[in-house]
Each structure stands twice: as C-alpha cells, then as structure tokens.
Amino acid sequence: MSNKPSPKAIAKLNATTLFPEIRKEILANPSVFAIRGFFIINITKRTVPMTEWYLLFQGFDAPAIVSQKRPEIPKAKKDQDPIPVAILQIEDSDLLNFMSGGLTGPRGIVSGKIKIAGAVELAEQLEEIFRKAKGPEKTLAYLERKRGRSERARARL
C-alpha cells in the first residue's frame, strides 16, 4: 500500500487552486518577476507530505515556470552564478494565510510554520513574489468562492 496522497486529496488542497492563479499573474507580467531563483515548495497537510510546487525564475532569459512538475534548471552561463535554490515546507492552511498576507515570512519562519533550506536570501523574496502576483487578492477571491460553495451546500440540507 502506498503512502502517496490520492489525486482527489491533492485536488482539495488550497495550493492546487492558488498556484495556478499565481502562475497566470506571473506569466501576464514577466518583467515584474525578473529575478533568478528556483523555489521548491513542499505542501503538507497535518505534517503529511501532499505535493510539491516548483517556481523557476530565470530573469530575462526565459519565462517563469510555476508547475507541479519539476522543471529542468538551466546551466549557468559563463558570466553568471548558478540559479539559487530555496526549499520551503509549509502546511496547506498556512500557505493560504501566507499568500493572503496574514502570515509574514519572518513570523512564519520563527513560529516554525515555514521551514527553509538552501538559499535563505532567495526564500525571503517569496513573500514579495506572492504580493506582486496579487496573492492577497487571489486568496481572498478564492475564500469568497469557497464560502459561497459551502453556504449553497448548507442551503441544500
């Protein structure tokens, strides 16, 4: 028996809805996200690993990638440093709070809600990336849709 989460369980995660929304904003405004870095974001639910999301920013060299499939990291050009890598682990419910701006990066790190490995300086930029990608607005819209669905479900009872 596999410990891998079911596709249905992954589909119910906040991350599964929010990261595609962030992707749309990043691709629509590439010049705003002209950084170089690779984020690996491990999403957990009650400490159980559920899924990973990857955000690859290559500056002006190529469009950003936001995906559940691990992208190929390009080799550094002769005059460039390698792309820094930051690995983060966060609970799905805390991700919702982080993207909405309710949980700041420093507070999340100090409280243990966000765990970081690798390029800490890069990881510290994730909060700003979410803000520029309209994370707070997208998260609030998501919560409104979710609340509307639960109210409609209660009305049917």
Protein backbone atom coordinates (compact mmCIF):
# COMPACT_ATOMS: atom_id res chain seq x y z
CA MET A 1 0.00 0.00 0.00
CA SER A 2 1.37 3.40 -1.00
CA ASN A 3 1.58 6.41 1.31
CA LYS A 4 1.20 8.69 -1.68
CA PRO A 5 -1.82 11.03 -1.36
CA SER A 6 -4.70 10.41 -3.74
CA PRO A 7 -5.31 12.76 -6.67
CA LYS A 8 -8.64 13.65 -5.02
CA ALA A 9 -6.88 14.69 -1.79
CA ILE A 10 -4.37 16.79 -3.76
CA ALA A 11 -7.19 18.43 -5.75
CA LYS A 12 -8.78 19.63 -2.48
CA LEU A 13 -5.64 21.48 -1.37
CA ASN A 14 -5.62 25.27 -1.29
CA ALA A 15 -2.28 25.11 -3.13
CA THR A 16 -3.90 23.31 -6.07
CA THR A 17 -6.18 26.30 -6.66
CA LEU A 18 -3.87 29.15 -5.66
CA PHE A 19 -0.65 28.31 -7.51
CA PRO A 20 -2.33 28.24 -10.96
CA GLU A 21 -3.77 31.70 -10.19
CA ILE A 22 -0.31 32.93 -9.22
CA ARG A 23 1.08 31.38 -12.43
CA LYS A 24 -1.38 33.39 -14.56
CA GLU A 25 -0.28 36.64 -12.96
CA ILE A 26 3.43 35.85 -13.27
CA LEU A 27 3.09 34.95 -16.96
CA ALA A 28 0.97 38.05 -17.65
CA ASN A 29 3.59 40.37 -16.12
CA PRO A 30 7.01 38.76 -16.68
CA SER A 31 9.04 41.95 -16.26
CA VAL A 32 7.79 42.30 -12.66
CA PHE A 33 9.34 38.92 -11.80
CA ALA A 34 12.80 39.33 -13.35
CA ILE A 35 14.65 37.53 -10.58
CA ARG A 36 16.77 34.40 -10.79
CA GLY A 37 15.87 31.59 -8.44
CA PHE A 38 14.31 28.19 -8.05
CA PHE A 39 11.75 27.55 -5.31
CA ILE A 40 10.72 24.06 -4.27
CA ILE A 41 7.64 24.33 -2.08
CA ASN A 42 6.63 21.20 -0.18
CA ILE A 43 2.96 21.34 0.79
CA THR A 44 1.90 19.28 3.80
CA LYS A 45 -1.43 18.59 5.47
CA ARG A 46 -1.24 17.75 9.18
CA THR A 47 2.53 17.24 8.63
CA VAL A 48 1.94 14.62 5.91
CA PRO A 49 3.68 15.50 2.61
CA MET A 50 0.99 16.05 -0.02
CA THR A 51 2.54 17.66 -3.10
CA GLU A 52 5.32 19.91 -4.34
CA TRP A 53 5.15 23.07 -6.38
CA TYR A 54 8.09 24.49 -8.31
CA LEU A 55 8.68 28.12 -9.20
CA LEU A 56 11.61 28.75 -11.55
CA PHE A 57 12.60 32.32 -12.33
CA GLN A 58 15.36 32.84 -14.90
CA GLY A 59 15.49 36.61 -15.03
CA PHE A 60 15.03 37.91 -18.55
CA ASP A 61 16.48 34.72 -20.10
CA ALA A 62 13.21 32.75 -20.20
CA PRO A 63 9.63 32.90 -18.93
CA ALA A 64 8.99 31.87 -15.35
CA ILE A 65 7.70 28.37 -14.67
CA VAL A 66 5.13 27.57 -11.96
CA SER A 67 4.36 23.86 -12.00
CA GLN A 68 3.84 20.67 -10.06
CA LYS A 69 6.28 19.04 -12.44
CA ARG A 70 9.93 19.67 -11.60
CA PRO A 71 11.45 21.80 -14.37
CA GLU A 72 14.96 21.41 -15.71
CA ILE A 73 17.25 24.02 -14.19
CA PRO A 74 19.37 25.55 -16.95
CA LYS A 75 23.13 25.58 -16.58
CA ALA A 76 24.59 28.95 -15.66
CA LYS A 77 26.14 30.97 -18.44
CA LYS A 78 29.86 31.65 -18.24
CA ASP A 79 29.39 35.07 -16.63
CA GLN A 80 26.55 34.04 -14.27
CA ASP A 81 26.32 32.36 -10.89
CA PRO A 82 24.18 29.21 -10.77
CA ILE A 83 20.49 29.76 -10.08
CA PRO A 84 19.99 29.74 -6.30
CA VAL A 85 17.62 27.14 -4.86
CA ALA A 86 15.32 27.59 -1.87
CA ILE A 87 13.33 24.70 -0.43
CA LEU A 88 10.32 25.56 1.71
CA GLN A 89 7.91 23.38 3.64
CA ILE A 90 4.54 24.75 4.66
CA GLU A 91 1.16 23.39 5.73
CA ASP A 92 -1.56 23.92 3.13
CA SER A 93 -3.62 26.00 5.58
CA ASP A 94 -0.59 28.16 6.44
CA LEU A 95 0.08 28.65 2.72
CA LEU A 96 -3.36 30.20 2.43
CA ASN A 97 -2.51 32.57 5.27
CA PHE A 98 0.96 33.31 3.81
CA MET A 99 -0.35 34.09 0.31
CA SER A 100 -3.07 36.34 1.72
CA GLY A 101 -0.51 38.38 3.65
CA GLY A 102 -1.83 37.26 7.04
CA LEU A 103 1.34 35.33 7.80
CA THR A 104 4.57 37.15 7.09
CA GLY A 105 7.70 35.27 6.10
CA PRO A 106 9.70 36.16 9.22
CA ARG A 107 6.78 35.30 11.53
CA GLY A 108 6.22 32.03 9.68
CA ILE A 109 9.89 31.08 9.99
CA VAL A 110 10.16 32.00 13.67
CA SER A 111 6.94 30.13 14.52
CA GLY A 112 8.04 27.05 12.56
CA LYS A 113 5.11 27.30 10.15
CA ILE A 114 7.54 27.84 7.28
CA LYS A 115 10.68 25.73 7.15
CA ILE A 116 13.50 26.78 4.83
CA ALA A 117 16.59 25.07 3.43
CA GLY A 118 19.01 26.28 0.80
CA ALA A 119 19.23 29.91 -0.30
CA VAL A 120 17.60 31.74 2.61
CA GLU A 121 18.01 35.14 0.89
CA LEU A 122 16.01 33.81 -2.05
CA ALA A 123 13.35 32.28 0.21
CA GLU A 124 12.85 35.67 1.82
CA GLN A 125 11.76 37.02 -1.59
CA LEU A 126 8.81 34.62 -1.90
CA GLU A 127 6.51 36.82 0.15
CA GLU A 128 7.19 39.73 -2.24
CA ILE A 129 6.63 37.47 -5.26
CA PHE A 130 3.22 36.44 -3.92
CA ARG A 131 2.35 40.08 -3.23
CA LYS A 132 3.35 41.18 -6.75
CA ALA A 133 1.38 38.25 -8.20
CA LYS A 134 -1.71 39.58 -6.40
CA GLY A 135 -1.62 36.70 -3.94
CA PRO A 136 -3.68 38.53 -1.30
CA GLU A 137 -6.39 39.45 -3.83
CA LYS A 138 -6.42 35.99 -5.41
CA THR A 139 -6.57 34.33 -1.98
CA LEU A 140 -9.47 36.49 -0.82
CA ALA A 141 -11.37 35.78 -4.05
CA TYR A 142 -10.71 32.06 -3.55
CA LEU A 143 -12.02 32.22 0.02
CA GLU A 144 -15.16 34.05 -1.15
CA ARG A 145 -15.83 31.35 -3.77
CA LYS A 146 -15.18 28.63 -1.20
CA ARG A 147 -17.51 30.28 1.33
CA GLY A 148 -20.21 30.66 -1.32
CA ARG A 149 -19.99 26.94 -2.17
CA SER A 150 -20.29 25.91 1.48
CA GLU A 151 -23.27 28.26 2.01
CA ARG A 152 -25.01 26.80 -1.06
CA ALA A 153 -24.31 23.27 0.24
CA ARG A 154 -25.80 24.15 3.64
CA ALA A 155 -28.87 25.65 1.94
CA ARG A 156 -29.50 22.33 0.18
CA LEU A 157 -29.66 20.47 3.53
